[in-house]
Amino acid sequence: MKRIFTIITVLISLSLIGIIVIQISWIKNMVLLNQEQIKEKLKGAIETVGADLAEHKGSYSLRDRRNSLADNFSLNLFSPNTVSQQFSVEEIKKKLDKAFLDIGLKNVNYEFGIAMLGRNGFENYFERKTPKFAQFYKDTVNNSQVFYPLIPPSGSAGENLSPDEVLIVMLPNINSYVLNSLKWRILASVLFTIIILAAFYLTVRTMLRQKKLGDIKNDFINNMTHEFKTPIATISLAVDAMRNQKVIADSQKMGYFSSIIKEENQRMNRQVETILKASQLEKREVELNLEPVHVHQIIHDVVDNFNLQLEDKKGKVDLFLNAKNDLIAADEVHLLNLINNLIDNAVKYAKEAT
């Protein structure tokens, strides 16, 4: 039984560990997959906004530019046609917010800036940028970046006259955004895992309790069998003695043996009551009936019950009861059983006197 219990516990533990590992792997893969999906959606939305900005950039025709230059007669003759001149930070942000909402992404935390491209890379950084853009732009490890060149459409008036610009959108703490979007799924997974752990704990606890109760009941049955054998043996000896003609003729001896049979019968009745109470073990309702009892008297009563068996084995019991106060609080039935077992084992396993 103990081996089976150990095997079951090990199997359940391994299954539980496997479920937890699978859950962790599933959550990890789900986070990575959603992270890639959200990045792709954000990239698509940014590209849509970038294409819209580039189209507006090319719509500023060469004729419009000449009319403006003729009216102003200023050095603006060579002023470049840029997105930064046509749109403010707030206007670009509105376009990005709308694009994100259109793909179902709300409360996206992002920063953006528009940089000009020169021959050697970025020059005249960020004609337009959000307040925290520079801060996040330096950290390329923890923040995702999306670059979109703002090139006018082919064939537009500004195709070859406008300088190259790049829309740079920073996505700081993208992992936090992904986790927040998946929080209910992750919480549900963690909750189910906790439920499984709780069920495992209750199962093992119940198994241990049932095993303990089984051991207690087995011991109880063994003890009760032992307890019934003693009075049965005593009654058997008393009956055999009462069949003796000399005993039949002696009324005093007949009364003595009759009292022994009566006491052993009462003792068996008490044992039957104890067996009936054993059902309470399952409900943990066993309570000791504590009351004042004299230990010396109980020992004398138990020894007296064994007199016939002792005579049959030609044995004797020497008592040294020297307690000044033998009054204790105890359950009389259990105390009787305890002392009875001690003397019964001594009688059973003692060698016969020669």
Protein backbone atom coordinates (compact mmCIF):
# COMPACT_ATOMS: atom_id res chain seq x y z
CA MET A 1 0.00 0.00 0.00
CA LYS A 2 2.81 2.36 0.92
CA ARG A 3 4.58 1.63 -2.38
CA ILE A 4 1.40 2.23 -4.40
CA PHE A 5 0.84 5.52 -2.59
CA THR A 6 4.41 6.62 -3.37
CA ILE A 7 4.03 5.68 -7.06
CA ILE A 8 0.73 7.57 -7.34
CA THR A 9 2.23 10.65 -5.67
CA VAL A 10 5.28 10.61 -7.98
CA LEU A 11 3.10 10.19 -11.10
CA ILE A 12 0.78 13.03 -10.07
CA SER A 13 3.79 15.25 -9.26
CA LEU A 14 5.40 14.57 -12.65
CA SER A 15 2.10 15.25 -14.42
CA LEU A 16 1.70 18.50 -12.51
CA ILE A 17 5.25 19.60 -13.33
CA GLY A 18 4.62 18.77 -16.99
CA ILE A 19 1.41 20.82 -17.03
CA ILE A 20 3.17 23.80 -15.43
CA VAL A 21 6.07 23.60 -17.92
CA ILE A 22 3.62 23.42 -20.83
CA GLN A 23 1.67 26.38 -19.42
CA ILE A 24 4.83 28.47 -19.07
CA SER A 25 5.94 27.54 -22.60
CA TRP A 26 2.48 28.34 -23.97
CA ILE A 27 2.41 31.75 -22.26
CA LYS A 28 5.92 32.54 -23.51
CA ASN A 29 5.08 31.59 -27.10
CA MET A 30 1.79 33.47 -26.91
CA VAL A 31 3.58 36.62 -25.74
CA LEU A 32 6.21 36.36 -28.49
CA LEU A 33 3.58 35.70 -31.16
CA ASN A 34 1.40 38.60 -30.05
CA GLN A 35 4.46 40.82 -29.82
CA GLU A 36 5.32 40.11 -33.44
CA GLN A 37 1.71 40.56 -34.53
CA ILE A 38 1.41 43.91 -32.74
CA LYS A 39 4.73 45.07 -34.19
CA GLU A 40 3.55 44.17 -37.68
CA LYS A 41 0.26 46.00 -37.14
CA LEU A 42 2.05 49.06 -35.81
CA LYS A 43 4.50 48.96 -38.68
CA GLY A 44 1.64 48.77 -41.19
CA ALA A 45 -0.17 51.71 -39.54
CA ILE A 46 3.03 53.78 -39.49
CA GLU A 47 3.66 53.01 -43.16
CA THR A 48 0.12 54.13 -43.97
CA VAL A 49 0.67 57.45 -42.17
CA GLY A 50 4.11 57.82 -43.76
CA ALA A 51 2.71 57.28 -47.25
CA ASP A 52 -0.01 59.86 -46.56
CA LEU A 53 2.56 62.42 -45.37
CA ALA A 54 4.79 61.76 -48.40
CA GLU A 55 1.82 62.20 -50.74
CA HIS A 56 1.06 65.60 -49.23
CA LYS A 57 4.69 66.45 -49.59
CA GLY A 58 4.58 65.81 -53.33
CA SER A 59 1.31 67.65 -53.81
CA TYR A 60 3.01 70.98 -53.25
CA SER A 61 3.54 71.73 -56.95
CA LEU A 62 6.39 73.57 -58.58
CA ARG A 63 3.95 76.20 -59.90
CA ASP A 64 2.67 76.89 -56.41
CA ARG A 65 6.19 77.25 -55.24
CA ARG A 66 7.09 79.75 -58.04
CA ASN A 67 4.02 81.86 -57.26
CA SER A 68 5.01 81.98 -53.65
CA LEU A 69 8.57 82.92 -54.48
CA ALA A 70 7.50 85.67 -56.88
CA ASP A 71 5.28 87.23 -54.27
CA ASN A 72 7.88 87.16 -51.51
CA PHE A 73 11.12 88.01 -53.37
CA SER A 74 13.11 86.60 -50.54
CA LEU A 75 15.79 84.05 -49.88
CA ASN A 76 13.04 81.51 -49.58
CA LEU A 77 13.61 80.93 -53.29
CA PHE A 78 15.47 77.78 -52.39
CA SER A 79 13.38 76.87 -49.33
CA PRO A 80 12.81 73.11 -49.38
CA ASN A 81 9.36 71.54 -49.53
CA THR A 82 9.25 69.36 -46.34
CA VAL A 83 6.66 67.52 -44.26
CA SER A 84 7.96 69.34 -41.21
CA GLN A 85 6.86 72.64 -42.80
CA GLN A 86 3.41 71.39 -43.72
CA PHE A 87 2.43 69.47 -40.55
CA SER A 88 2.79 70.21 -36.87
CA VAL A 89 3.59 67.59 -34.23
CA GLU A 90 -0.07 67.55 -33.12
CA GLU A 91 -1.31 66.96 -36.65
CA ILE A 92 1.08 64.06 -37.24
CA LYS A 93 0.16 62.58 -33.85
CA LYS A 94 -3.55 62.69 -34.73
CA LYS A 95 -2.84 60.80 -37.94
CA LEU A 96 -0.87 58.14 -36.05
CA ASP A 97 -3.51 57.80 -33.32
CA LYS A 98 -6.23 57.33 -35.93
CA ALA A 99 -4.18 54.76 -37.79
CA PHE A 100 -3.58 52.78 -34.58
CA LEU A 101 -7.27 52.87 -33.68
CA ASP A 102 -8.20 51.66 -37.16
CA ILE A 103 -6.23 48.45 -36.56
CA GLY A 104 -7.69 47.95 -33.07
CA LEU A 105 -4.76 49.18 -30.95
CA LYS A 106 -5.68 51.57 -28.16
CA ASN A 107 -3.51 53.59 -25.79
CA VAL A 108 -0.32 52.85 -27.70
CA ASN A 109 2.67 54.49 -26.06
CA TYR A 110 4.92 55.91 -28.76
CA GLU A 111 7.18 58.82 -29.61
CA PHE A 112 8.07 60.07 -33.09
CA GLY A 113 10.31 62.49 -34.91
CA ILE A 114 11.03 63.55 -38.50
CA ALA A 115 14.67 63.75 -39.55
CA MET A 116 16.26 65.01 -42.78
CA LEU A 117 18.61 62.84 -44.76
CA GLY A 118 21.86 64.22 -46.05
CA ARG A 119 24.67 62.61 -47.94
CA ASN A 120 26.28 61.38 -44.75
CA GLY A 121 23.11 60.28 -43.03
CA PHE A 122 20.79 62.22 -40.74
CA GLU A 123 21.32 65.97 -40.65
CA ASN A 124 19.40 68.78 -38.95
CA TYR A 125 17.79 66.26 -36.68
CA PHE A 126 14.13 66.33 -35.93
CA GLU A 127 12.45 69.41 -37.23
CA ARG A 128 9.36 67.84 -35.68
CA LYS A 129 9.47 65.53 -32.65
CA THR A 130 7.55 64.66 -29.51
CA PRO A 131 8.98 65.77 -26.14
CA LYS A 132 10.42 62.38 -25.07
CA PHE A 133 11.58 61.25 -28.48
CA ALA A 134 15.26 62.00 -27.94
CA GLN A 135 15.25 60.11 -24.64
CA PHE A 136 13.87 56.88 -26.13
CA TYR A 137 15.76 57.24 -29.40
CA LYS A 138 19.05 56.63 -27.63
CA ASP A 139 17.90 53.34 -26.17
CA THR A 140 17.67 50.91 -29.08
CA VAL A 141 17.85 47.81 -26.88
CA ASN A 142 14.60 48.18 -24.95
CA ASN A 143 12.67 50.19 -27.52
CA SER A 144 11.49 49.16 -30.96
CA GLN A 145 12.04 51.54 -33.88
CA VAL A 146 10.17 51.89 -37.16
CA PHE A 147 11.71 53.95 -39.98
CA TYR A 148 9.68 55.14 -42.96
CA PRO A 149 11.29 57.30 -45.68
CA LEU A 150 9.00 60.20 -46.68
CA ILE A 151 9.56 60.07 -50.45
CA PRO A 152 7.03 61.83 -52.72
CA PRO A 153 5.13 59.59 -55.13
CA SER A 154 6.74 58.98 -58.49
CA GLY A 155 5.78 61.65 -61.03
CA SER A 156 4.83 64.30 -58.47
CA ALA A 157 6.07 67.85 -58.74
CA GLY A 158 8.20 67.55 -55.63
CA GLU A 159 9.74 64.20 -56.46
CA ASN A 160 13.20 65.54 -57.24
CA LEU A 161 12.97 68.96 -55.54
CA SER A 162 12.17 67.90 -51.96
CA PRO A 163 14.91 66.71 -49.62
CA ASP A 164 14.67 63.23 -48.22
CA GLU A 165 13.02 62.88 -44.84
CA VAL A 166 12.45 59.92 -42.51
CA LEU A 167 9.57 59.36 -40.12
CA ILE A 168 10.96 57.59 -37.06
CA VAL A 169 8.49 56.12 -34.58
CA MET A 170 9.74 54.76 -31.24
CA LEU A 171 7.73 52.10 -29.42
CA PRO A 172 9.04 52.13 -25.85
CA ASN A 173 8.14 49.27 -23.52
CA ILE A 174 6.44 47.28 -26.25
CA ASN A 175 6.68 44.20 -24.01
CA SER A 176 4.61 45.91 -21.33
CA TYR A 177 1.97 46.79 -23.91
CA VAL A 178 1.85 43.19 -25.15
CA LEU A 179 1.60 41.79 -21.61
CA ASN A 180 -1.13 44.27 -20.76
CA SER A 181 -3.11 43.24 -23.83
CA LEU A 182 -2.80 39.58 -22.78
CA LYS A 183 -3.26 40.06 -19.03
CA TRP A 184 -6.66 38.35 -18.82
CA ARG A 185 -5.46 35.28 -20.70
CA ILE A 186 -2.33 35.08 -18.55
CA LEU A 187 -4.34 35.56 -15.36
CA ALA A 188 -6.77 32.83 -16.41
CA SER A 189 -3.87 30.49 -17.13
CA VAL A 190 -2.25 31.24 -13.77
CA LEU A 191 -5.61 30.79 -12.02
CA PHE A 192 -6.16 27.38 -13.60
CA THR A 193 -2.62 26.37 -12.64
CA ILE A 194 -3.29 27.40 -9.03
CA ILE A 195 -6.53 25.39 -9.08
CA ILE A 196 -4.60 22.35 -10.33
CA LEU A 197 -2.01 22.84 -7.57
CA ALA A 198 -4.75 23.14 -4.96
CA ALA A 199 -6.45 20.00 -6.29
CA PHE A 200 -3.12 18.16 -6.14
CA TYR A 201 -2.55 19.30 -2.56
CA LEU A 202 -6.05 18.25 -1.48
CA THR A 203 -5.68 14.90 -3.24
CA VAL A 204 -2.38 14.10 -1.53
CA ARG A 205 -3.73 15.34 1.80
CA THR A 206 -6.84 13.17 1.46
CA MET A 207 -4.74 10.16 0.48
CA LEU A 208 -2.49 10.64 3.52
CA ARG A 209 -5.51 11.04 5.77
CA GLN A 210 -7.17 7.92 4.37
CA LYS A 211 -3.94 5.99 4.78
CA LYS A 212 -3.64 7.15 8.38
CA LEU A 213 -7.26 6.25 9.10
CA GLY A 214 -6.75 2.86 7.45
CA ASP A 215 -3.74 2.17 9.68
CA ILE A 216 -5.68 3.26 12.76
CA LYS A 217 -8.61 1.00 11.86
CA ASN A 218 -6.33 -1.96 11.18
CA ASP A 219 -4.64 -1.49 14.54
CA PHE A 220 -8.04 -1.08 16.15
CA ILE A 221 -9.35 -4.31 14.62
CA ASN A 222 -6.23 -6.18 15.71
CA ASN A 223 -6.57 -4.82 19.23
CA MET A 224 -10.26 -5.65 19.39
CA THR A 225 -9.57 -9.20 18.24
CA HIS A 226 -7.00 -9.44 20.98
CA GLU A 227 -9.45 -7.94 23.48
CA PHE A 228 -12.14 -10.50 22.68
CA LYS A 229 -9.80 -13.46 22.87
CA THR A 230 -8.91 -12.73 26.48
CA PRO A 231 -12.45 -12.70 27.96
CA ILE A 232 -13.45 -15.64 25.76
CA ALA A 233 -10.49 -17.65 27.08
CA THR A 234 -11.33 -16.65 30.66
CA ILE A 235 -15.01 -17.59 30.26
CA SER A 236 -13.97 -20.91 28.70
CA LEU A 237 -11.75 -21.71 31.68
CA ALA A 238 -14.47 -20.68 34.13
CA VAL A 239 -17.03 -22.90 32.39
CA ASP A 240 -14.62 -25.85 32.43
CA ALA A 241 -13.99 -25.27 36.14
CA MET A 242 -17.73 -25.08 36.88
CA ARG A 243 -18.19 -28.51 35.32
CA ASN A 244 -15.98 -30.00 37.96
CA GLN A 245 -18.02 -31.95 40.53
CA LYS A 246 -16.11 -30.49 43.44
CA VAL A 247 -16.80 -26.98 42.23
CA ILE A 248 -20.46 -27.80 41.68
CA ALA A 249 -20.70 -28.94 45.26
CA ASP A 250 -19.04 -25.72 46.52
CA SER A 251 -21.50 -22.83 46.21
CA GLN A 252 -18.79 -20.29 47.04
CA LYS A 253 -16.63 -21.39 44.14
CA MET A 254 -19.64 -21.47 41.85
CA GLY A 255 -20.40 -17.88 42.80
CA TYR A 256 -16.76 -16.93 42.20
CA PHE A 257 -16.67 -18.42 38.70
CA SER A 258 -20.10 -16.97 37.91
CA SER A 259 -18.90 -13.49 38.85
CA ILE A 260 -15.88 -13.95 36.59
CA ILE A 261 -18.14 -14.91 33.67
CA LYS A 262 -20.38 -11.91 34.37
CA GLU A 263 -17.42 -9.49 34.52
CA GLU A 264 -15.96 -10.84 31.29
CA ASN A 265 -19.36 -10.58 29.65
CA GLN A 266 -19.62 -6.94 30.74
CA ARG A 267 -16.13 -6.38 29.44
CA MET A 268 -17.10 -7.75 26.02
CA ASN A 269 -20.14 -5.47 26.00
CA ARG A 270 -17.85 -2.50 26.55
CA GLN A 271 -15.68 -3.65 23.67
CA VAL A 272 -18.76 -3.85 21.43
CA GLU A 273 -19.59 -0.23 22.32
CA THR A 274 -16.02 0.73 21.49
CA ILE A 275 -16.34 -0.92 18.07
CA LEU A 276 -19.54 1.01 17.39
CA LYS A 277 -17.72 4.23 18.21
CA ALA A 278 -14.97 3.36 15.75
CA SER A 279 -17.12 4.67 12.89
CA GLN A 280 -16.52 8.11 14.31
CA LEU A 281 -12.86 7.86 13.30
CA GLU A 282 -13.85 8.78 9.73
CA LYS A 283 -15.38 12.03 10.96
CA ARG A 284 -12.68 12.75 13.53
CA GLU A 285 -15.31 12.79 16.23
CA VAL A 286 -13.61 10.44 18.67
CA GLU A 287 -13.55 11.97 22.10
CA LEU A 288 -12.05 10.53 25.26
CA ASN A 289 -14.49 10.18 28.13
CA LEU A 290 -12.19 11.62 30.77
CA GLU A 291 -13.24 11.02 34.34
CA PRO A 292 -11.52 10.48 37.71
CA VAL A 293 -10.36 6.87 38.00
CA HIS A 294 -8.19 5.03 40.53
CA VAL A 295 -5.37 3.33 38.68
CA HIS A 296 -4.66 0.86 41.49
CA GLN A 297 -8.22 -0.41 41.44
CA ILE A 298 -8.23 -0.83 37.65
CA ILE A 299 -4.97 -2.80 37.82
CA HIS A 300 -6.38 -5.06 40.53
CA ASP A 301 -9.55 -5.64 38.48
CA VAL A 302 -7.59 -6.56 35.36
CA VAL A 303 -5.31 -8.92 37.29
CA ASP A 304 -8.30 -10.58 38.92
CA ASN A 305 -9.73 -11.26 35.47
CA PHE A 306 -6.54 -13.13 34.56
CA ASN A 307 -6.47 -15.35 37.67
CA LEU A 308 -7.87 -18.38 35.88
CA GLN A 309 -5.40 -18.06 33.01
CA LEU A 310 -2.56 -17.55 35.46
CA GLU A 311 -3.58 -20.67 37.40
CA ASP A 312 -3.81 -22.59 34.14
CA LYS A 313 -0.23 -21.61 33.31
CA LYS A 314 0.85 -21.93 36.95
CA GLY A 315 1.87 -18.30 37.01
CA LYS A 316 1.36 -15.31 39.25
CA VAL A 317 1.47 -11.55 39.16
CA ASP A 318 3.38 -9.53 41.72
CA LEU A 319 2.03 -6.01 42.15
CA PHE A 320 3.96 -3.10 43.62
CA LEU A 321 1.43 -0.31 43.71
CA ASN A 322 3.08 2.40 45.79
CA ALA A 323 1.55 5.58 44.33
CA LYS A 324 0.51 7.97 47.10
CA ASN A 325 -2.26 9.34 44.88
CA ASP A 326 -3.51 7.00 42.16
CA LEU A 327 -6.44 9.19 41.11
CA ILE A 328 -6.08 10.41 37.52
CA ALA A 329 -8.30 11.79 34.76
CA ALA A 330 -8.57 9.10 32.07
CA ASP A 331 -10.93 7.17 29.84
CA GLU A 332 -11.61 4.02 31.85
CA VAL A 333 -12.28 1.80 28.83
CA HIS A 334 -9.04 2.70 27.04
CA LEU A 335 -7.03 2.48 30.23
CA LEU A 336 -8.48 -0.97 30.94
CA ASN A 337 -7.57 -2.07 27.41
CA LEU A 338 -4.06 -0.76 27.79
CA ILE A 339 -3.34 -2.60 31.04
CA ASN A 340 -5.19 -5.67 29.82
CA ASN A 341 -2.99 -5.86 26.71
CA LEU A 342 0.17 -5.68 28.80
CA ILE A 343 -0.87 -8.50 31.12
CA ASP A 344 -2.38 -10.57 28.31
CA ASN A 345 0.85 -10.40 26.28
CA ALA A 346 2.82 -11.34 29.39
CA VAL A 347 0.56 -14.34 30.00
CA LYS A 348 0.54 -15.38 26.34
CA TYR A 349 4.29 -15.27 25.78
CA ALA A 350 5.44 -16.37 29.26
CA LYS A 351 6.90 -19.84 29.62
CA GLU A 352 4.93 -22.24 31.75
CA ALA A 353 6.31 -22.83 35.23
CA THR A 354 7.86 -26.26 35.82
